Amino acid sequence: MKIAGYIGDLLFEYECVVIPGLGGFLTRDHAAYIHPMKHYFKPPHREVVFNPMLRTNDGLLLNHIARSEKLAYQDAKSRLDRFVLKCLSVMDEGKKIHFRNIGSITYNKERQIVFEPDANQNYLAESFGLSGFVSPPIKREDFQKRVEKVFANPPRRQEEEQKPETPKNPTPVVEKRMLASHRPGKFKRQLVIVGAAASILFAAWGVMNYKTVEYYYDQYKGHASVLPFFYASPNEYVIHHLDKLPVESMIPSQDFTGFIEGLSKAKAGINDLIPATSYQAEIVPEPKTEPLTWNAESNVLVDSVIPNDSVEEQIEIPQIDTFAEAVPEQTVEKTVTPVVVAASKPVESVKKYSKEYHIIAGAFREKKNADNLIEDLKKKSFEAVYAGQTSGGLWRVSYGMFENETVALQQLDEVKRKENKQAWLLVI
């Protein structure tokens, strides 16, 4: 039972609250006051004291407890009696009974009840929210001292204060030149900011949608002549436009053939993702051969006209003495029909470069790792092979080599769907 709370509620409204059998709490109102030495300001308050002689039951506390606890009057009285007996037994042991926000009671040496009020609690309703405070005193000068200060330092005349002092050596005043500065317009500044923001957003979209960009690149790379930004490097542009660019005039004649052959091979290590195109060398026609006639007297094939740069050769045929041995004493004259023999060096066939399409599975610094991957792919029924090395020395491993671009693209889609989403197509 919260007896202290019930007593505190009644002290806001009544001047006396009696605990039957223990004593009564009395209140007395005081006005605000200031402590002369401590400079402490205390608002109007209600002082609480305890009188142990007031033990008669007036019914105020019991009725309030019964209404708050929803008890019968006799039940409330029995509980209050038990509370009083417990308080007396505790004080007999020399202990204090503390009532929250009210104070504490205890026995002194003469077995008289002594009450110590709680100084922080104010039960005066008119002073609700007001608290005490300390304010330092204000120091004020005496009137006589103020007069002495004024006469000791008389004020100056206004004319003397307003009179400007003329300098002895006046310095010439140089007027500052006003320089006009051009400020950039707000429209240009906003245009630059919008352009930069759009570029950043476009770049971020391209990074986040890498697959989409790659799809459009594969879809429209055949129209690179119309859309030049699809070329990944200047070398690829030169390779695709050999018939339109004056390459012969830019490169010496003796090095032109080697340059074209180097472009046709287009080492994939420089741009692994750029298909390298091959250059079809021009086929040199075979030179016309002049007929060789048979000279019966010297048994030699004789060419009537042999140019300096011809590829034909003279073929010597040894003399035949068959007729001399068969008829040693007779001279046999035999007409020999001229035989035309064409002897020339075979013209080497021009090597045609065809494209090879490789589906790249990975690239490795160590060749041993590449061998392991090839073995694993062969176990999965892939015709895995090497696809050369990159410019950085990495060994490329291919799922297989194809000569048809359509077949290679179909196989690439199947590999991406079933095996490796990171697989890509290399054209050599």
Protein backbone atom coordinates (compact mmCIF):
# COMPACT_ATOMS: atom_id res chain seq x y z
CA MET A 1 0.00 0.00 0.00
CA LYS A 2 1.39 3.42 -1.04
CA ILE A 3 0.57 5.36 2.12
CA ALA A 4 3.09 8.16 1.34
CA GLY A 5 1.48 8.82 -2.06
CA TYR A 6 -1.99 9.09 -0.57
CA ILE A 7 -0.74 11.45 2.17
CA GLY A 8 1.02 13.66 -0.43
CA ASP A 9 -2.17 13.94 -2.50
CA LEU A 10 -4.10 15.12 0.55
CA LEU A 11 -1.43 17.65 1.61
CA PHE A 12 -2.07 19.67 -1.61
CA GLU A 13 -5.71 20.23 -0.51
CA TYR A 14 -5.84 19.92 3.29
CA GLU A 15 -3.86 21.50 6.12
CA CYS A 16 -3.88 18.39 8.32
CA VAL A 17 -3.62 14.68 7.49
CA VAL A 18 -3.72 12.24 10.45
CA ILE A 19 -2.37 8.69 10.50
CA PRO A 20 -4.41 7.00 13.26
CA GLY A 21 -2.15 5.65 15.98
CA LEU A 22 1.05 7.33 14.63
CA GLY A 23 0.62 11.11 14.29
CA GLY A 24 -0.54 13.88 11.98
CA PHE A 25 1.09 16.01 9.24
CA LEU A 26 0.36 19.72 9.44
CA THR A 27 0.99 22.37 6.77
CA ARG A 28 1.73 26.08 7.05
CA ASP A 29 2.02 28.51 4.12
CA HIS A 30 4.94 30.95 3.77
CA ALA A 31 5.52 33.86 1.41
CA ALA A 32 8.57 34.20 -0.84
CA TYR A 33 11.75 35.34 0.86
CA ILE A 34 15.43 36.07 0.08
CA HIS A 35 18.31 34.87 2.22
CA PRO A 36 20.43 37.97 2.99
CA MET A 37 23.77 36.15 3.12
CA LYS A 38 23.36 33.34 0.59
CA HIS A 39 21.32 35.47 -1.87
CA TYR A 40 18.92 32.55 -2.23
CA PHE A 41 15.47 33.29 -3.65
CA LYS A 42 12.69 30.91 -2.56
CA PRO A 43 9.19 31.10 -4.01
CA PRO A 44 6.04 30.91 -1.83
CA HIS A 45 5.88 27.44 -0.31
CA ARG A 46 3.96 25.23 2.12
CA GLU A 47 5.90 23.96 5.10
CA VAL A 48 5.12 20.44 6.42
CA VAL A 49 5.52 19.49 10.11
CA PHE A 50 4.69 16.35 12.09
CA ASN A 51 2.74 16.25 15.36
CA PRO A 52 2.85 12.85 17.12
CA MET A 53 0.04 13.90 19.48
CA LEU A 54 -2.59 13.86 16.72
CA ARG A 55 -3.53 10.17 16.69
CA THR A 56 -7.33 10.33 16.60
CA ASN A 57 -8.89 8.99 13.43
CA ASP A 58 -10.71 11.77 11.55
CA GLY A 59 -11.62 9.48 8.60
CA LEU A 60 -9.92 11.64 5.93
CA LEU A 61 -7.02 9.32 5.12
CA LEU A 62 -9.09 6.11 5.48
CA ASN A 63 -11.81 7.32 3.09
CA HIS A 64 -9.21 8.36 0.50
CA ILE A 65 -7.47 4.97 0.70
CA ALA A 66 -10.78 3.09 0.42
CA ARG A 67 -11.80 5.06 -2.72
CA SER A 68 -8.36 4.72 -4.35
CA GLU A 69 -7.94 1.00 -3.59
CA LYS A 70 -11.67 0.27 -4.08
CA LEU A 71 -11.87 -1.37 -0.67
CA ALA A 72 -14.37 -1.41 2.13
CA TYR A 73 -13.82 0.96 5.00
CA GLN A 74 -13.02 -1.83 7.48
CA ASP A 75 -10.53 -3.45 5.08
CA ALA A 76 -8.79 -0.12 4.58
CA LYS A 77 -8.67 0.44 8.37
CA SER A 78 -7.15 -3.00 9.01
CA ARG A 79 -4.45 -2.41 6.40
CA LEU A 80 -3.64 1.01 7.84
CA ASP A 81 -3.42 -0.44 11.36
CA ARG A 82 -0.95 -3.07 10.19
CA PHE A 83 1.11 -0.32 8.52
CA VAL A 84 1.24 1.70 11.78
CA LEU A 85 2.32 -1.32 13.85
CA LYS A 86 5.09 -2.06 11.35
CA CYS A 87 6.34 1.55 11.50
CA LEU A 88 6.50 1.50 15.30
CA SER A 89 8.42 -1.78 15.34
CA VAL A 90 10.94 -0.45 12.80
CA MET A 91 11.49 2.74 14.84
CA ASP A 92 11.96 0.64 17.98
CA GLU A 93 14.89 -0.96 16.18
CA GLY A 94 16.44 2.51 15.72
CA LYS A 95 15.64 2.85 12.01
CA LYS A 96 13.99 5.67 10.05
CA ILE A 97 10.64 5.60 8.33
CA HIS A 98 10.88 7.52 5.06
CA PHE A 99 7.76 8.95 3.42
CA ARG A 100 8.55 9.72 -0.25
CA ASN A 101 8.44 13.49 -1.08
CA ILE A 102 7.33 14.26 2.51
CA GLY A 103 10.18 13.49 4.91
CA SER A 104 11.32 10.89 7.46
CA ILE A 105 10.51 10.14 11.11
CA THR A 106 12.59 8.38 13.76
CA TYR A 107 13.02 8.13 17.57
CA ASN A 108 15.56 10.32 19.35
CA LYS A 109 17.32 9.43 22.58
CA GLU A 110 14.28 10.45 24.63
CA ARG A 111 12.08 8.19 22.46
CA GLN A 112 10.31 11.13 20.95
CA ILE A 113 9.42 11.18 17.26
CA VAL A 114 11.59 13.58 15.24
CA PHE A 115 10.50 14.65 11.74
CA GLU A 116 12.89 15.79 8.93
CA PRO A 117 10.93 17.39 6.06
CA ASP A 118 11.90 17.08 2.37
CA ALA A 119 13.12 20.56 1.34
CA ASN A 120 12.78 19.87 -2.43
CA GLN A 121 9.02 19.32 -2.36
CA ASN A 122 6.53 22.21 -2.33
CA TYR A 123 2.88 21.34 -1.64
CA LEU A 124 1.57 24.86 -2.37
CA ALA A 125 -0.52 24.62 -5.54
CA GLU A 126 -0.10 28.34 -6.36
CA SER A 127 3.69 27.89 -6.62
CA PHE A 128 3.53 24.91 -8.94
CA GLY A 129 6.50 24.98 -11.35
CA LEU A 130 8.48 27.58 -9.37
CA SER A 131 11.86 26.66 -7.91
CA GLY A 132 14.43 28.45 -5.83
CA PHE A 133 17.58 30.00 -7.29
CA VAL A 134 20.71 31.91 -6.28
CA SER A 135 21.46 35.32 -7.82
CA PRO A 136 24.72 37.18 -7.14
CA PRO A 137 24.35 40.74 -5.81
CA ILE A 138 24.56 43.70 -8.20
CA LYS A 139 27.46 46.03 -7.47
CA ARG A 140 26.47 49.72 -7.70
CA GLU A 141 28.72 52.77 -7.31
CA ASP A 142 27.88 55.55 -4.94
CA PHE A 143 26.63 58.80 -6.38
CA GLN A 144 29.57 60.72 -4.94
CA LYS A 145 32.12 58.49 -6.67
CA ARG A 146 30.35 58.89 -9.97
CA VAL A 147 30.45 62.70 -9.63
CA GLU A 148 34.16 62.63 -8.83
CA LYS A 149 34.90 60.61 -11.96
CA VAL A 150 32.97 63.03 -14.15
CA PHE A 151 34.84 66.09 -12.86
CA ALA A 152 38.19 64.33 -12.98
CA ASN A 153 37.77 63.70 -16.74
CA PRO A 154 35.68 66.57 -18.16
CA PRO A 155 34.06 65.86 -21.56
CA ARG A 156 35.56 67.49 -24.68
CA ARG A 157 33.73 70.05 -26.70
CA GLN A 158 31.89 68.83 -29.73
CA GLU A 159 33.68 71.34 -31.98
CA GLU A 160 37.07 69.94 -31.00
CA GLU A 161 35.90 66.41 -31.60
CA GLN A 162 34.44 67.28 -35.01
CA LYS A 163 37.45 69.32 -36.19
CA PRO A 164 39.55 67.10 -38.46
CA GLU A 165 43.26 66.99 -37.96
CA THR A 166 45.24 68.09 -41.02
CA PRO A 167 48.31 65.91 -41.62
CA LYS A 168 51.66 67.64 -42.05
CA ASN A 169 52.69 65.74 -45.17
CA PRO A 170 49.51 64.78 -46.98
CA THR A 171 49.96 61.86 -49.32
CA PRO A 172 48.31 62.03 -52.72
CA VAL A 173 45.23 59.91 -53.04
CA VAL A 174 45.41 57.54 -55.99
CA GLU A 175 42.08 56.60 -57.41
CA LYS A 176 41.60 52.89 -57.85
CA ARG A 177 40.95 51.70 -61.34
CA MET A 178 37.80 49.74 -61.89
CA LEU A 179 38.42 46.58 -63.90
CA ALA A 180 35.52 44.98 -65.69
CA SER A 181 35.46 41.21 -65.54
CA HIS A 182 33.52 38.88 -67.77
CA ARG A 183 31.39 36.38 -65.97
CA PRO A 184 30.19 33.28 -67.75
CA GLY A 185 26.50 33.22 -68.39
CA LYS A 186 24.21 31.07 -66.30
CA PHE A 187 22.89 29.33 -69.41
CA LYS A 188 26.34 28.11 -70.48
CA ARG A 189 27.12 26.94 -66.97
CA GLN A 190 23.84 25.05 -66.76
CA LEU A 191 24.43 23.55 -70.20
CA VAL A 192 27.87 22.27 -69.15
CA ILE A 193 26.44 20.80 -65.94
CA VAL A 194 23.59 19.08 -67.80
CA GLY A 195 26.00 17.68 -70.40
CA ALA A 196 28.37 16.34 -67.76
CA ALA A 197 25.49 14.78 -65.82
CA ALA A 198 24.12 13.16 -68.99
CA SER A 199 27.56 11.76 -69.86
CA ILE A 200 27.96 10.30 -66.38
CA LEU A 201 24.48 8.76 -66.48
CA PHE A 202 25.10 7.30 -69.94
CA ALA A 203 28.43 5.82 -68.86
CA ALA A 204 26.86 4.35 -65.72
CA TRP A 205 24.03 2.85 -67.78
CA GLY A 206 26.56 1.31 -70.17
CA VAL A 207 28.47 -0.27 -67.29
CA MET A 208 25.33 -1.67 -65.65
CA ASN A 209 23.94 -2.92 -68.99
CA TYR A 210 27.13 -4.38 -70.38
CA LYS A 211 25.29 -7.33 -71.95
CA THR A 212 22.90 -5.04 -73.83
CA VAL A 213 25.75 -2.92 -75.20
CA GLU A 214 27.60 -6.06 -76.25
CA TYR A 215 24.46 -7.36 -77.99
CA TYR A 216 24.00 -4.15 -80.00
CA TYR A 217 27.69 -4.11 -80.85
CA ASP A 218 27.47 -7.65 -82.27
CA GLN A 219 24.21 -6.75 -84.02
CA TYR A 220 25.43 -3.62 -85.79
CA LYS A 221 29.16 -4.15 -86.16
CA GLY A 222 28.52 -5.09 -89.80
CA HIS A 223 27.40 -1.49 -90.40
CA ALA A 224 30.63 -0.03 -89.08
CA SER A 225 31.19 1.89 -92.31
CA VAL A 226 28.00 3.84 -91.56
CA LEU A 227 28.65 4.02 -87.80
CA PRO A 228 32.41 4.63 -87.43
CA PHE A 229 32.32 4.48 -83.63
CA PHE A 230 31.87 0.69 -83.85
CA TYR A 231 35.55 0.35 -84.76
CA ALA A 232 37.57 -0.58 -81.68
CA SER A 233 40.92 0.65 -83.08
CA PRO A 234 42.39 2.50 -86.11
CA ASN A 235 43.99 -0.78 -87.28
CA GLU A 236 40.56 -2.36 -87.73
CA TYR A 237 39.39 0.64 -89.76
CA VAL A 238 42.44 0.37 -92.07
CA ILE A 239 41.89 -3.39 -92.54
CA HIS A 240 38.23 -2.92 -93.50
CA HIS A 241 38.99 -0.07 -95.94
CA LEU A 242 42.11 -1.25 -97.78
CA ASP A 243 40.35 -0.77 -101.10
CA LYS A 244 39.39 2.84 -100.28
CA LEU A 245 42.57 4.16 -98.64
CA PRO A 246 45.73 5.13 -100.64
CA VAL A 247 47.89 2.68 -98.71
CA GLU A 248 50.34 2.20 -101.63
CA SER A 249 51.28 5.89 -101.66
CA MET A 250 51.91 5.93 -97.91
CA ILE A 251 54.13 2.80 -97.76
CA PRO A 252 57.30 2.11 -99.84
CA SER A 253 56.76 -0.32 -102.71
CA GLN A 254 59.30 -2.90 -101.49
CA ASP A 255 57.58 -3.12 -98.09
CA PHE A 256 53.99 -3.00 -99.33
CA THR A 257 53.62 -6.78 -99.75
CA GLY A 258 54.93 -7.49 -96.25
CA PHE A 259 52.72 -4.78 -94.80
CA ILE A 260 49.61 -6.26 -96.45
CA GLU A 261 50.54 -9.74 -95.24
CA GLY A 262 50.97 -8.40 -91.70
CA LEU A 263 47.57 -6.73 -91.86
CA SER A 264 45.98 -9.93 -93.12
CA LYS A 265 47.31 -11.89 -90.18
CA ALA A 266 46.25 -9.09 -87.73
CA LYS A 267 47.60 -10.57 -84.59
CA ALA A 268 44.66 -11.07 -82.25
CA GLY A 269 46.76 -10.31 -79.17
CA ILE A 270 46.48 -6.59 -79.88
CA ASN A 271 42.69 -6.56 -79.89
CA ASP A 272 41.43 -9.93 -78.77
CA LEU A 273 37.82 -9.09 -79.36
CA ILE A 274 38.31 -7.60 -82.87
CA PRO A 275 38.08 -10.07 -85.74
CA ALA A 276 41.19 -9.91 -87.93
CA THR A 277 40.46 -9.94 -91.66
CA SER A 278 42.70 -11.59 -94.25
CA TYR A 279 43.96 -9.93 -97.39
CA GLN A 280 43.62 -11.76 -100.73
CA ALA A 281 46.87 -11.39 -102.61
CA GLU A 282 46.56 -10.68 -106.29
CA ILE A 283 47.17 -13.80 -108.47
CA VAL A 284 50.04 -13.28 -110.92
CA PRO A 285 49.25 -14.73 -114.36
CA GLU A 286 51.64 -17.33 -115.76
CA PRO A 287 54.11 -15.94 -118.30
CA LYS A 288 53.77 -17.14 -121.85
CA THR A 289 56.37 -19.74 -122.91
CA GLU A 290 58.09 -19.72 -126.26
CA PRO A 291 58.28 -23.10 -128.12
CA LEU A 292 61.63 -24.85 -128.31
CA THR A 293 62.68 -26.53 -131.59
CA TRP A 294 64.76 -29.68 -132.03
CA ASN A 295 68.04 -29.29 -133.88
CA ALA A 296 68.96 -32.64 -135.38
CA GLU A 297 72.58 -31.82 -136.06
CA SER A 298 73.50 -30.80 -132.53
CA ASN A 299 70.84 -32.83 -130.74
CA VAL A 300 69.97 -29.71 -128.70
CA LEU A 301 66.69 -27.98 -127.99
CA VAL A 302 67.10 -24.44 -129.19
CA ASP A 303 64.86 -21.54 -128.21
CA SER A 304 64.50 -18.96 -130.86
CA VAL A 305 63.99 -16.06 -128.51
CA ILE A 306 64.83 -16.18 -124.80
CA PRO A 307 64.07 -12.98 -122.87
CA ASN A 308 66.17 -11.98 -119.88
CA ASP A 309 63.34 -12.25 -117.36
CA SER A 310 61.80 -15.45 -118.76
CA VAL A 311 61.37 -18.43 -116.50
CA GLU A 312 62.06 -21.00 -119.25
CA GLU A 313 65.32 -22.93 -119.22
CA GLN A 314 67.41 -24.63 -121.86
CA ILE A 315 67.37 -28.40 -121.59
CA GLU A 316 70.27 -30.26 -123.13
CA ILE A 317 69.63 -33.73 -124.57
CA PRO A 318 72.68 -36.00 -125.00
CA GLN A 319 73.66 -37.18 -128.48
CA ILE A 320 72.22 -40.48 -129.68
CA ASP A 321 74.65 -42.86 -131.48
CA THR A 322 72.19 -45.67 -132.07
CA PHE A 323 72.23 -45.35 -135.82
CA ALA A 324 76.02 -45.16 -136.01
CA GLU A 325 76.40 -48.42 -134.12
CA ALA A 326 73.77 -50.26 -136.14
CA VAL A 327 75.16 -49.25 -139.58
CA PRO A 328 78.75 -48.18 -139.06
CA GLU A 329 79.70 -47.92 -142.74
CA GLN A 330 76.64 -46.13 -144.07
CA THR A 331 75.54 -42.65 -143.53
CA VAL A 332 71.93 -42.48 -142.72
CA GLU A 333 70.12 -39.25 -143.14
CA LYS A 334 66.90 -39.04 -141.24
CA THR A 335 64.54 -36.18 -141.10
CA VAL A 336 63.49 -35.35 -137.61
CA THR A 337 60.23 -33.65 -136.99
CA PRO A 338 60.60 -30.64 -134.73
CA VAL A 339 59.21 -31.27 -131.31
CA VAL A 340 57.86 -28.44 -129.23
CA VAL A 341 58.75 -28.75 -125.57
CA ALA A 342 57.71 -26.19 -122.98
CA ALA A 343 59.93 -26.25 -119.90
CA SER A 344 59.10 -23.68 -117.31
CA LYS A 345 59.12 -23.37 -113.57
CA PRO A 346 55.79 -24.00 -111.86
CA VAL A 347 54.23 -20.83 -110.56
CA GLU A 348 53.62 -21.06 -106.85
CA SER A 349 49.99 -20.91 -105.95
CA VAL A 350 48.98 -17.85 -103.95
CA LYS A 351 47.94 -18.76 -100.43
CA LYS A 352 44.45 -17.68 -99.62
CA TYR A 353 43.76 -16.71 -96.04
CA SER A 354 40.43 -17.90 -94.68
CA LYS A 355 38.86 -16.78 -91.44
CA GLU A 356 38.94 -19.01 -88.41
CA TYR A 357 36.28 -18.60 -85.74
CA HIS A 358 37.26 -19.68 -82.24
CA ILE A 359 34.98 -19.78 -79.19
CA ILE A 360 37.34 -18.74 -76.41
CA ALA A 361 36.95 -20.51 -73.08
CA GLY A 362 39.79 -18.74 -71.26
CA ALA A 363 43.37 -17.45 -71.37
CA PHE A 364 46.19 -18.57 -69.06
CA ARG A 365 49.68 -17.37 -68.24
CA GLU A 366 50.89 -20.94 -67.63
CA LYS A 367 50.59 -23.34 -70.54
CA LYS A 368 50.05 -26.21 -68.10
CA ASN A 369 46.76 -24.68 -67.00
CA ALA A 370 45.72 -24.31 -70.63
CA ASP A 371 46.53 -28.00 -71.24
CA ASN A 372 44.39 -29.00 -68.26
CA LEU A 373 41.44 -27.00 -69.60
CA ILE A 374 41.82 -28.56 -73.06
CA GLU A 375 41.74 -32.04 -71.53
CA ASP A 376 38.62 -31.19 -69.52
CA LEU A 377 36.85 -29.81 -72.58
CA LYS A 378 37.77 -32.86 -74.66
CA LYS A 379 36.22 -35.05 -71.97
CA LYS A 380 33.00 -33.05 -72.52
CA SER A 381 33.11 -33.91 -76.27
CA PHE A 382 34.49 -30.50 -77.33
CA GLU A 383 37.19 -30.28 -80.00
CA ALA A 384 39.29 -27.97 -77.82
CA VAL A 385 42.42 -26.45 -79.38
CA TYR A 386 44.84 -23.60 -78.82
CA ALA A 387 43.83 -20.25 -80.33
CA GLY A 388 47.26 -18.67 -80.24
CA GLN A 389 48.71 -16.23 -77.72
CA THR A 390 47.82 -12.69 -76.83
CA SER A 391 50.29 -9.83 -76.98
CA GLY A 392 50.69 -10.26 -73.22
CA GLY A 393 51.77 -13.89 -73.60
CA LEU A 394 48.52 -15.53 -72.47
CA TRP A 395 47.59 -18.90 -73.97
CA ARG A 396 44.06 -18.87 -75.36
CA VAL A 397 41.95 -22.05 -75.18
CA SER A 398 39.12 -22.52 -77.69
CA TYR A 399 36.07 -24.79 -77.47
CA GLY A 400 36.59 -25.45 -81.16
CA MET A 401 37.49 -23.88 -84.51
CA PHE A 402 34.85 -23.13 -87.15
CA GLU A 403 35.14 -21.86 -90.72
CA ASN A 404 31.54 -20.64 -90.95
CA GLU A 405 30.51 -17.58 -88.98
CA THR A 406 26.86 -18.63 -88.69
CA VAL A 407 27.78 -22.03 -87.25
CA ALA A 408 30.25 -20.40 -84.88
CA LEU A 409 27.63 -17.95 -83.58
CA GLN A 410 25.11 -20.75 -83.05
CA GLN A 411 27.70 -22.80 -81.17
CA LEU A 412 28.64 -19.72 -79.11
CA ASP A 413 25.02 -19.23 -78.01
CA GLU A 414 24.81 -22.89 -77.00
CA VAL A 415 28.07 -22.70 -75.03
CA LYS A 416 26.93 -19.55 -73.24
CA ARG A 417 23.61 -21.17 -72.36
CA LYS A 418 25.00 -24.52 -71.12
CA GLU A 419 28.69 -24.16 -70.24
CA ASN A 420 30.19 -20.69 -69.88
CA LYS A 421 28.37 -17.36 -69.97
CA GLN A 422 31.72 -15.55 -70.32
CA ALA A 423 32.67 -17.29 -73.57
CA TRP A 424 33.31 -15.02 -76.56
CA LEU A 425 34.09 -15.31 -80.28
CA LEU A 426 37.57 -14.67 -81.69
CA VAL A 427 38.03 -14.22 -85.43
CA ILE A 428 41.49 -14.89 -86.86
